[in-house]
């Protein structure tokens, strides 16, 4: 086993065709990490001596710590076969030898090894039977597991909501939960549409979301665009309320409900218990009264919005990063003034349709926590991302590969790790 330096092009070619392909293991992400977080970058290749074939690779980001020593990070782990113990052993041994000479104390990895697939209640749908063996082999090679965290303790999320894509939009829609379908139907009924920002104007996008993402800062998004957008791996989508259609549609809904309400009132007034189910009519009338009240408020609101926003209103937006076979919704933002429209449901659906037609295989709807308690403050975030024929993938976690044990003890003491 030998370790070589790869060019950006050779590294990306290997990464794009690997089982664990992820945008975190790409030259685009390397550029982003270098510009945004001041990491130094190296592309490593792992070559098998017997075949002289490249059997693994990794983007390695690194920074100085103290006394000339450094630490490294392989985001989302090495691109290797983790189920092959011999491969893991050889790569780890050679990597330790190389990095120790270069004064590295440790390297952190958080591989895309799925430990389990779970439903919305946290129940395991499928468990990876190889996980325990992989963990044992890691431990024997000096990998320190940083725990099966439930929240945001790790560099990258350990829990993600993933859904499969399909070229057929109807198949995608049919597999959604009823509640999601109802939200999408409502969005369509009032005149909400999803539009791609073909200009990928990151400045406009930041202005739209900055109330919630001010901590990241404009520089973060500029660097993100410069790293991914210039190679067409970043796209921006918006949900827009067509205020003209909104007025037309809510007036139509109000008129239809008003006719229904009058008909129910006539049935009740008739008192004809033989021809009509009067108790049911009374209940239906009460529900209709509620709807009429809601629609009346919507008529007033829509008229007001049309007057002040004749060209429409941007209600939400998403920033998407593409991988070889799937996509990641990195930002999914809804303007707090328009949350009642549930435009994020329509947005996710239209993004799924868009990439499904392009033959992408999956969508990462976003990170969640491992707390599945319905009373938890985190549960609404989980619930909003489920319902799209999605499930939760739990990854194996984060590890530090200790290269210099003595300096590692000093590092942990110095930084209270």
Protein backbone atom coordinates (compact mmCIF):
# COMPACT_ATOMS: atom_id res chain seq x y z
CA UNK A 1 0.00 0.00 0.00
CA UNK A 2 1.30 3.43 -0.89
CA UNK A 3 -0.13 6.91 -0.60
CA UNK A 4 0.16 9.34 -3.50
CA UNK A 5 -0.87 12.91 -4.24
CA UNK A 6 -3.76 13.28 -6.69
CA UNK A 7 -4.60 16.19 -8.92
CA UNK A 8 -8.00 17.86 -8.50
CA UNK A 9 -9.17 16.27 -11.73
CA UNK A 10 -8.06 12.74 -10.81
CA UNK A 11 -9.52 13.06 -7.33
CA UNK A 12 -12.90 14.28 -8.60
CA UNK A 13 -13.04 11.51 -11.19
CA UNK A 14 -12.50 8.88 -8.50
CA UNK A 15 -14.91 10.56 -6.06
CA UNK A 16 -17.70 10.94 -8.61
CA UNK A 17 -17.74 7.21 -9.23
CA UNK A 18 -17.39 6.02 -5.64
CA UNK A 19 -20.04 4.39 -3.45
CA UNK A 20 -19.62 7.10 -0.80
CA UNK A 21 -19.61 10.01 -3.22
CA UNK A 22 -20.56 13.25 -1.48
CA UNK A 23 -20.06 16.92 -2.23
CA UNK A 24 -17.98 17.10 0.95
CA UNK A 25 -15.40 14.92 -0.83
CA UNK A 26 -14.97 17.14 -3.87
CA UNK A 27 -12.58 19.81 -5.06
CA UNK A 28 -15.52 22.23 -4.91
CA UNK A 29 -15.84 21.71 -1.17
CA UNK A 30 -12.06 21.90 -0.81
CA UNK A 31 -12.12 25.36 -2.41
CA UNK A 32 -14.96 26.40 -0.10
CA UNK A 33 -13.19 25.15 3.04
CA UNK A 34 -9.97 26.87 2.00
CA UNK A 35 -11.65 30.23 1.35
CA UNK A 36 -14.25 30.19 4.11
CA UNK A 37 -12.41 28.43 6.94
CA UNK A 38 -8.78 28.89 5.93
CA UNK A 39 -8.03 25.17 5.67
CA UNK A 40 -5.05 23.92 3.72
CA UNK A 41 -5.92 21.22 1.20
CA UNK A 42 -4.42 17.96 0.02
CA UNK A 43 -5.81 15.19 -2.19
CA UNK A 44 -4.63 11.71 -1.23
CA UNK A 45 -4.79 8.50 -3.27
CA UNK A 46 -4.42 5.00 -1.81
CA UNK A 47 -2.73 2.60 -4.23
CA UNK A 48 -2.64 -1.18 -3.86
CA UNK A 49 0.92 -2.50 -4.35
CA UNK A 50 -0.07 -5.80 -5.94
CA UNK A 51 -2.29 -4.32 -8.65
CA UNK A 52 -0.98 -0.74 -8.75
CA UNK A 53 -4.65 0.30 -8.77
CA UNK A 54 -6.18 3.26 -6.96
CA UNK A 55 -8.43 1.64 -4.34
CA UNK A 56 -9.23 4.73 -2.29
CA UNK A 57 -8.89 8.49 -2.04
CA UNK A 58 -9.62 11.34 0.30
CA UNK A 59 -9.78 15.08 0.46
CA UNK A 60 -7.73 16.07 3.50
CA UNK A 61 -8.20 19.49 5.08
CA UNK A 62 -5.72 20.59 7.72
CA UNK A 63 -4.79 23.42 10.07
CA UNK A 64 -1.97 24.18 12.51
CA UNK A 65 -2.53 23.63 16.24
CA UNK A 66 0.54 24.39 18.37
CA UNK A 67 4.32 23.87 18.43
CA UNK A 68 4.32 23.18 14.70
CA UNK A 69 1.83 20.33 15.06
CA UNK A 70 -1.33 20.05 12.95
CA UNK A 71 -4.63 18.23 12.77
CA UNK A 72 -6.47 16.99 9.68
CA UNK A 73 -10.07 16.42 8.70
CA UNK A 74 -11.45 14.16 5.98
CA UNK A 75 -15.04 15.45 5.61
CA UNK A 76 -17.47 12.53 5.40
CA UNK A 77 -14.57 10.14 5.64
CA UNK A 78 -12.22 8.38 3.25
CA UNK A 79 -13.54 7.03 -0.04
CA UNK A 80 -12.60 3.40 0.67
CA UNK A 81 -14.24 0.02 1.27
CA UNK A 82 -14.77 0.08 5.04
CA UNK A 83 -16.09 -3.47 5.04
CA UNK A 84 -12.72 -4.77 3.87
CA UNK A 85 -10.77 -5.02 7.14
CA UNK A 86 -7.45 -5.57 5.39
CA UNK A 87 -7.88 -2.44 3.26
CA UNK A 88 -8.76 -0.35 6.30
CA UNK A 89 -5.78 -1.74 8.22
CA UNK A 90 -3.25 -1.06 5.46
CA UNK A 91 -4.52 2.42 4.67
CA UNK A 92 -4.60 3.38 8.35
CA UNK A 93 -1.06 2.10 8.99
CA UNK A 94 0.42 3.90 5.99
CA UNK A 95 -1.52 7.07 6.72
CA UNK A 96 -0.28 7.14 10.31
CA UNK A 97 3.34 6.71 9.17
CA UNK A 98 3.03 9.52 6.64
CA UNK A 99 1.18 11.98 8.83
CA UNK A 100 3.37 11.39 11.87
CA UNK A 101 6.42 12.45 9.84
CA UNK A 102 4.52 15.61 8.90
CA UNK A 103 3.71 16.40 12.57
CA UNK A 104 0.00 15.62 12.53
CA UNK A 105 -1.53 14.79 15.91
CA UNK A 106 -4.78 13.25 14.67
CA UNK A 107 -7.19 13.16 11.76
CA UNK A 108 -10.96 13.36 12.12
CA UNK A 109 -13.32 11.40 9.87
CA UNK A 110 -17.12 11.08 9.81
CA UNK A 111 -17.80 8.47 7.13
CA UNK A 112 -21.07 8.01 5.28
CA UNK A 113 -21.51 4.53 6.73
CA UNK A 114 -25.20 4.06 7.46
CA UNK A 115 -25.74 2.50 10.89
CA UNK A 116 -29.52 2.33 10.58
CA UNK A 117 -32.54 3.52 8.64
CA UNK A 118 -35.44 4.70 10.81
CA UNK A 119 -39.04 5.82 10.54
CA UNK A 120 -40.51 9.01 12.02
CA UNK A 121 -40.91 7.36 15.41
CA UNK A 122 -37.27 6.36 15.56
CA UNK A 123 -38.08 2.70 14.94
CA UNK A 124 -35.34 0.89 13.05
CA UNK A 125 -36.46 -0.15 9.56
CA UNK A 126 -33.10 -1.59 8.60
CA UNK A 127 -29.87 -2.11 10.55
CA UNK A 128 -26.43 -2.36 8.97
CA UNK A 129 -25.13 -5.72 10.16
CA UNK A 130 -21.55 -4.70 9.30
CA UNK A 131 -21.45 -1.78 11.73
CA UNK A 132 -20.26 -3.69 14.79
CA UNK A 133 -17.41 -5.33 12.88
CA UNK A 134 -16.39 -1.98 11.37
CA UNK A 135 -16.41 -0.36 14.82
CA UNK A 136 -14.27 -3.18 16.25
CA UNK A 137 -11.75 -2.86 13.42
CA UNK A 138 -11.65 0.91 13.82
CA UNK A 139 -10.92 0.56 17.53
CA UNK A 140 -8.10 -1.92 16.86
CA UNK A 141 -6.57 0.64 14.47
CA UNK A 142 -6.64 3.47 17.03
CA UNK A 143 -9.83 5.20 15.93
CA UNK A 144 -11.45 7.00 18.86
CA UNK A 145 -15.23 7.03 18.44
CA UNK A 146 -16.66 10.38 19.54
CA UNK A 147 -20.03 8.87 20.36
CA UNK A 148 -23.51 8.19 18.99
CA UNK A 149 -24.63 11.79 19.40
CA UNK A 150 -28.29 12.76 19.11
CA UNK A 151 -27.92 16.47 18.46
CA UNK A 152 -25.39 18.82 16.83
CA UNK A 153 -22.24 17.83 18.70
CA UNK A 154 -20.36 16.68 15.59
CA UNK A 155 -18.86 18.63 12.70
CA UNK A 156 -21.51 17.33 10.29
CA UNK A 157 -25.01 15.98 11.04
CA UNK A 158 -25.25 12.33 12.07
CA UNK A 159 -28.98 12.15 11.24
CA UNK A 160 -30.37 13.07 7.81
CA UNK A 161 -33.75 12.77 6.09
CA UNK A 162 -33.38 11.09 2.70
CA UNK A 163 -35.98 10.37 0.01
CA UNK A 164 -35.69 8.46 -3.26
CA UNK A 165 -36.31 10.22 -6.56
CA UNK A 166 -38.10 8.99 -9.65
CA UNK A 167 -38.29 10.23 -13.25
CA UNK A 168 -42.08 10.07 -13.05
CA UNK A 169 -43.52 13.03 -11.12
CA UNK A 170 -46.78 11.19 -10.45
CA UNK A 171 -44.93 8.33 -8.77
CA UNK A 172 -43.10 10.80 -6.55
CA UNK A 173 -46.36 12.52 -5.56
CA UNK A 174 -48.36 9.34 -4.99
CA UNK A 175 -45.91 8.17 -2.34
CA UNK A 176 -46.27 11.29 -0.18
CA UNK A 177 -48.24 11.35 3.07
CA UNK A 178 -51.79 12.67 2.80
CA UNK A 179 -50.85 15.74 4.88
CA UNK A 180 -48.11 16.67 2.40
CA UNK A 181 -50.45 16.21 -0.57
CA UNK A 182 -53.00 18.49 1.11
CA UNK A 183 -50.37 21.20 1.62
CA UNK A 184 -49.27 20.96 -2.01
CA UNK A 185 -52.88 21.08 -3.21
CA UNK A 186 -53.53 24.18 -1.11
CA UNK A 187 -50.40 25.89 -2.44
CA UNK A 188 -51.53 25.21 -6.00
CA UNK A 189 -55.06 26.39 -5.26
CA UNK A 190 -54.00 29.85 -4.07
CA UNK A 191 -51.47 30.55 -6.82
CA UNK A 192 -48.09 29.55 -5.35
CA UNK A 193 -45.46 28.53 -7.90
CA UNK A 194 -41.82 27.41 -7.74
CA UNK A 195 -39.23 29.11 -9.93
CA UNK A 196 -35.58 28.39 -10.52
CA UNK A 197 -33.32 31.43 -10.30
CA UNK A 198 -31.46 30.79 -13.54
CA UNK A 199 -29.06 33.64 -12.74
CA UNK A 200 -28.12 31.98 -9.41
CA UNK A 201 -27.92 35.42 -7.85
CA UNK A 202 -26.40 34.60 -4.47
CA UNK A 203 -26.52 38.25 -3.32
CA UNK A 204 -30.30 38.38 -3.75
CA UNK A 205 -30.68 35.02 -2.05
CA UNK A 206 -28.65 36.17 0.95
CA UNK A 207 -30.70 39.36 1.25
CA UNK A 208 -33.82 37.19 1.35
CA UNK A 209 -32.59 34.78 4.07
CA UNK A 210 -30.21 36.95 6.08
CA UNK A 211 -32.64 37.47 8.98
CA UNK A 212 -32.20 33.81 9.87
CA UNK A 213 -28.65 33.27 8.58
CA UNK A 214 -26.90 36.44 9.68
CA UNK A 215 -24.40 34.42 11.76
CA UNK A 216 -23.12 32.72 8.63
CA UNK A 217 -22.68 36.08 6.97
CA UNK A 218 -22.66 37.07 3.33
CA UNK A 219 -19.07 35.91 2.90
CA UNK A 220 -20.15 32.31 3.61
CA UNK A 221 -22.69 32.35 0.78
CA UNK A 222 -20.38 34.17 -1.60
CA UNK A 223 -17.70 31.54 -1.00
CA UNK A 224 -20.29 28.81 -1.43
CA UNK A 225 -21.34 30.19 -4.79
CA UNK A 226 -17.76 30.74 -5.95
CA UNK A 227 -16.92 27.13 -5.08
CA UNK A 228 -20.02 25.35 -6.40
CA UNK A 229 -22.04 27.76 -8.53
CA UNK A 230 -19.37 28.35 -11.14
CA UNK A 231 -19.33 24.62 -11.93
CA UNK A 232 -23.15 24.42 -12.05
CA UNK A 233 -23.41 22.31 -8.89
CA UNK A 234 -25.42 24.92 -7.00
CA UNK A 235 -28.96 26.02 -7.79
CA UNK A 236 -31.40 28.43 -6.16
CA UNK A 237 -35.19 27.99 -6.18
CA UNK A 238 -37.93 30.29 -4.89
CA UNK A 239 -41.61 29.88 -4.06
CA UNK A 240 -43.58 32.84 -5.34
CA UNK A 241 -47.14 33.83 -4.58
CA UNK A 242 -48.86 35.10 -7.73
CA UNK A 243 -50.98 37.76 -6.05
CA UNK A 244 -53.32 38.12 -9.05
CA UNK A 245 -54.07 34.40 -9.04
CA UNK A 246 -54.33 34.50 -5.25
CA UNK A 247 -57.18 37.02 -5.46
CA UNK A 248 -58.92 35.07 -8.25
CA UNK A 249 -58.56 31.73 -6.48
CA UNK A 250 -59.66 32.76 -2.99
CA UNK A 251 -62.67 34.59 -4.43
CA UNK A 252 -63.57 31.44 -6.34
CA UNK A 253 -63.16 29.33 -3.20
CA UNK A 254 -65.28 31.77 -1.21
CA UNK A 255 -68.05 31.71 -3.83
CA UNK A 256 -68.06 27.92 -4.02
CA UNK A 257 -68.19 27.59 -0.24
CA UNK A 258 -70.91 30.23 0.00
CA UNK A 259 -73.11 28.24 -2.42
CA UNK A 260 -72.48 25.08 -0.40
CA UNK A 261 -73.27 26.93 2.84
CA UNK A 262 -76.60 28.25 1.47
CA UNK A 263 -77.55 24.77 0.27
CA UNK A 264 -76.83 23.30 3.71
CA UNK A 265 -78.85 26.06 5.38
CA UNK A 266 -81.81 25.25 3.12
CA UNK A 267 -81.58 21.56 4.03
CA UNK A 268 -81.57 22.36 7.73
CA UNK A 269 -84.47 24.82 7.39
CA UNK A 270 -86.51 22.25 5.46
CA UNK A 271 -86.59 19.97 8.49
CA UNK A 272 -87.11 17.06 6.09
CA UNK A 273 -85.57 14.16 8.08
CA UNK A 274 -86.77 11.62 5.54
CA UNK A 275 -85.03 13.15 2.54
CA UNK A 276 -81.98 14.58 4.35
CA UNK A 277 -79.59 13.64 7.14
CA UNK A 278 -80.23 16.75 9.21
CA UNK A 279 -77.62 16.11 11.98
CA UNK A 280 -74.94 15.64 9.31
CA UNK A 281 -76.08 18.78 7.52
CA UNK A 282 -75.80 20.74 10.77
CA UNK A 283 -72.23 19.50 11.31
CA UNK A 284 -71.34 20.23 7.68
CA UNK A 285 -72.84 23.71 8.01
CA UNK A 286 -70.71 24.41 11.09
CA UNK A 287 -67.55 23.37 9.21
CA UNK A 288 -68.63 25.42 6.22
CA UNK A 289 -69.14 28.47 8.45
CA UNK A 290 -65.55 28.12 9.64
CA UNK A 291 -64.27 27.83 6.08
CA UNK A 292 -66.29 30.84 4.96
CA UNK A 293 -64.80 32.87 7.78
CA UNK A 294 -61.29 31.77 6.73
CA UNK A 295 -61.92 32.44 3.04
CA UNK A 296 -63.39 35.87 3.82
CA UNK A 297 -60.20 36.80 5.66
CA UNK A 298 -58.19 35.43 2.73
CA UNK A 299 -60.19 37.57 0.29
CA UNK A 300 -59.39 40.69 2.31
CA UNK A 301 -55.72 39.69 2.70
CA UNK A 302 -55.24 38.71 -0.95
CA UNK A 303 -56.74 41.99 -2.15
CA UNK A 304 -54.40 43.89 0.15
CA UNK A 305 -51.37 41.88 -1.02
CA UNK A 306 -52.25 42.41 -4.69
CA UNK A 307 -52.44 46.13 -4.14
CA UNK A 308 -49.05 46.33 -2.43
CA UNK A 309 -47.33 43.53 -4.43
CA UNK A 310 -48.79 43.43 -7.97
CA UNK A 311 -45.77 41.49 -9.26
CA UNK A 312 -46.07 38.77 -6.62
CA UNK A 313 -44.33 37.87 -3.36
CA UNK A 314 -41.35 35.60 -2.70
CA UNK A 315 -42.46 33.40 0.20
CA UNK A 316 -39.59 30.92 0.45
CA UNK A 317 -36.37 29.75 -1.11
CA UNK A 318 -33.95 26.86 -1.25
CA UNK A 319 -30.29 26.44 -2.05
CA UNK A 320 -29.41 23.06 -3.55
CA UNK A 321 -26.01 21.39 -3.91
CA UNK A 322 -25.67 18.59 -6.46
CA UNK A 323 -23.66 15.37 -6.13
CA UNK A 324 -23.07 12.67 -8.74
CA UNK A 325 -26.26 10.75 -8.00
CA UNK A 326 -28.22 12.93 -5.61
CA UNK A 327 -28.90 16.41 -4.31
CA UNK A 328 -28.79 18.16 -0.95
CA UNK A 329 -31.13 20.92 0.18
CA UNK A 330 -28.60 23.01 2.06
CA UNK A 331 -30.96 25.89 2.87
CA UNK A 332 -34.75 25.71 2.97
CA UNK A 333 -36.11 29.05 4.13
CA UNK A 334 -39.68 30.31 4.53
CA UNK A 335 -40.44 33.98 5.18
CA UNK A 336 -42.02 34.14 8.65
CA UNK A 337 -44.79 36.36 7.27
CA UNK A 338 -46.02 33.56 4.99
CA UNK A 339 -45.54 30.34 6.98
CA UNK A 340 -49.30 29.65 6.94
CA UNK A 341 -49.11 28.79 3.23
CA UNK A 342 -46.77 25.81 3.86
CA UNK A 343 -44.90 26.72 0.70
CA UNK A 344 -41.94 24.52 1.70
CA UNK A 345 -44.01 21.43 0.87
CA UNK A 346 -44.54 22.63 -2.69
CA UNK A 347 -40.90 23.72 -2.92
CA UNK A 348 -39.53 20.29 -1.94
CA UNK A 349 -41.94 18.54 -4.30
CA UNK A 350 -40.99 20.71 -7.27
CA UNK A 351 -37.28 20.24 -6.54
CA UNK A 352 -37.83 16.47 -6.39
CA UNK A 353 -39.63 16.62 -9.76
CA UNK A 354 -36.89 18.75 -11.28
CA UNK A 355 -34.05 16.42 -10.31
CA UNK A 356 -36.05 13.23 -10.74
CA UNK A 357 -36.44 14.03 -14.43
CA UNK A 358 -32.66 14.47 -14.63
CA UNK A 359 -32.26 10.91 -13.28
CA UNK A 360 -30.86 11.85 -9.87
CA UNK A 361 -31.52 9.02 -7.40
CA UNK A 362 -32.01 10.66 -4.01
CA UNK A 363 -32.56 13.91 -2.18
CA UNK A 364 -31.17 14.84 1.23
CA UNK A 365 -33.98 16.97 2.63
CA UNK A 366 -31.86 18.02 5.59
CA UNK A 367 -30.47 17.25 9.01
CA UNK A 368 -32.54 16.33 12.06
CA UNK A 369 -31.76 15.22 15.59
CA UNK A 370 -31.96 11.71 17.01
CA UNK A 371 -34.62 12.81 19.49
CA UNK A 372 -37.92 11.36 18.26
CA UNK A 373 -40.06 12.38 21.23
CA UNK A 374 -43.16 14.12 19.85
CA UNK A 375 -43.07 16.47 22.87
CA UNK A 376 -39.51 17.54 22.06
CA UNK A 377 -38.83 21.04 20.76
CA UNK A 378 -36.96 19.35 17.90
CA UNK A 379 -39.93 17.27 16.71
CA UNK A 380 -41.57 19.95 14.48
CA UNK A 381 -38.31 20.19 12.50
CA UNK A 382 -38.39 16.41 12.05
CA UNK A 383 -42.07 16.34 11.11
CA UNK A 384 -41.66 19.05 8.46
CA UNK A 385 -39.02 17.00 6.65
CA UNK A 386 -40.88 13.71 6.71
CA UNK A 387 -43.92 12.76 4.68
CA UNK A 388 -42.11 12.89 1.32
CA UNK A 389 -41.74 9.09 1.22
CA UNK A 390 -38.60 9.74 3.22
CA UNK A 391 -36.75 8.01 6.02
CA UNK A 392 -34.02 8.94 8.48
CA UNK A 393 -30.48 7.69 7.95
CA UNK A 394 -28.31 7.40 11.04
CA UNK A 395 -24.61 7.48 10.23
CA UNK A 396 -21.92 5.69 12.21
CA UNK A 397 -20.51 8.86 13.74
CA UNK A 398 -17.30 10.82 14.08
CA UNK A 399 -13.84 9.43 14.83
CA UNK A 400 -10.40 10.77 15.68
CA UNK A 401 -7.58 8.64 14.30
CA UNK A 402 -4.82 9.18 16.83
CA UNK A 403 -1.43 9.56 15.14
CA UNK A 404 0.70 10.99 17.94
CA UNK A 405 -0.71 9.67 21.31
CA UNK A 406 1.43 11.86 23.57
CA UNK A 407 0.62 15.06 21.71
CA UNK A 408 -3.02 14.01 21.49
CA UNK A 409 -3.22 13.92 25.31
CA UNK A 410 -1.70 17.40 25.44
CA UNK A 411 -4.14 18.60 22.77
CA UNK A 412 -7.16 17.29 24.68
CA UNK A 413 -5.95 18.87 27.91
CA UNK A 414 -5.12 22.17 26.20
CA UNK A 415 -8.49 22.42 24.42
CA UNK A 416 -10.57 20.62 27.08
CA UNK A 417 -11.64 17.98 24.59
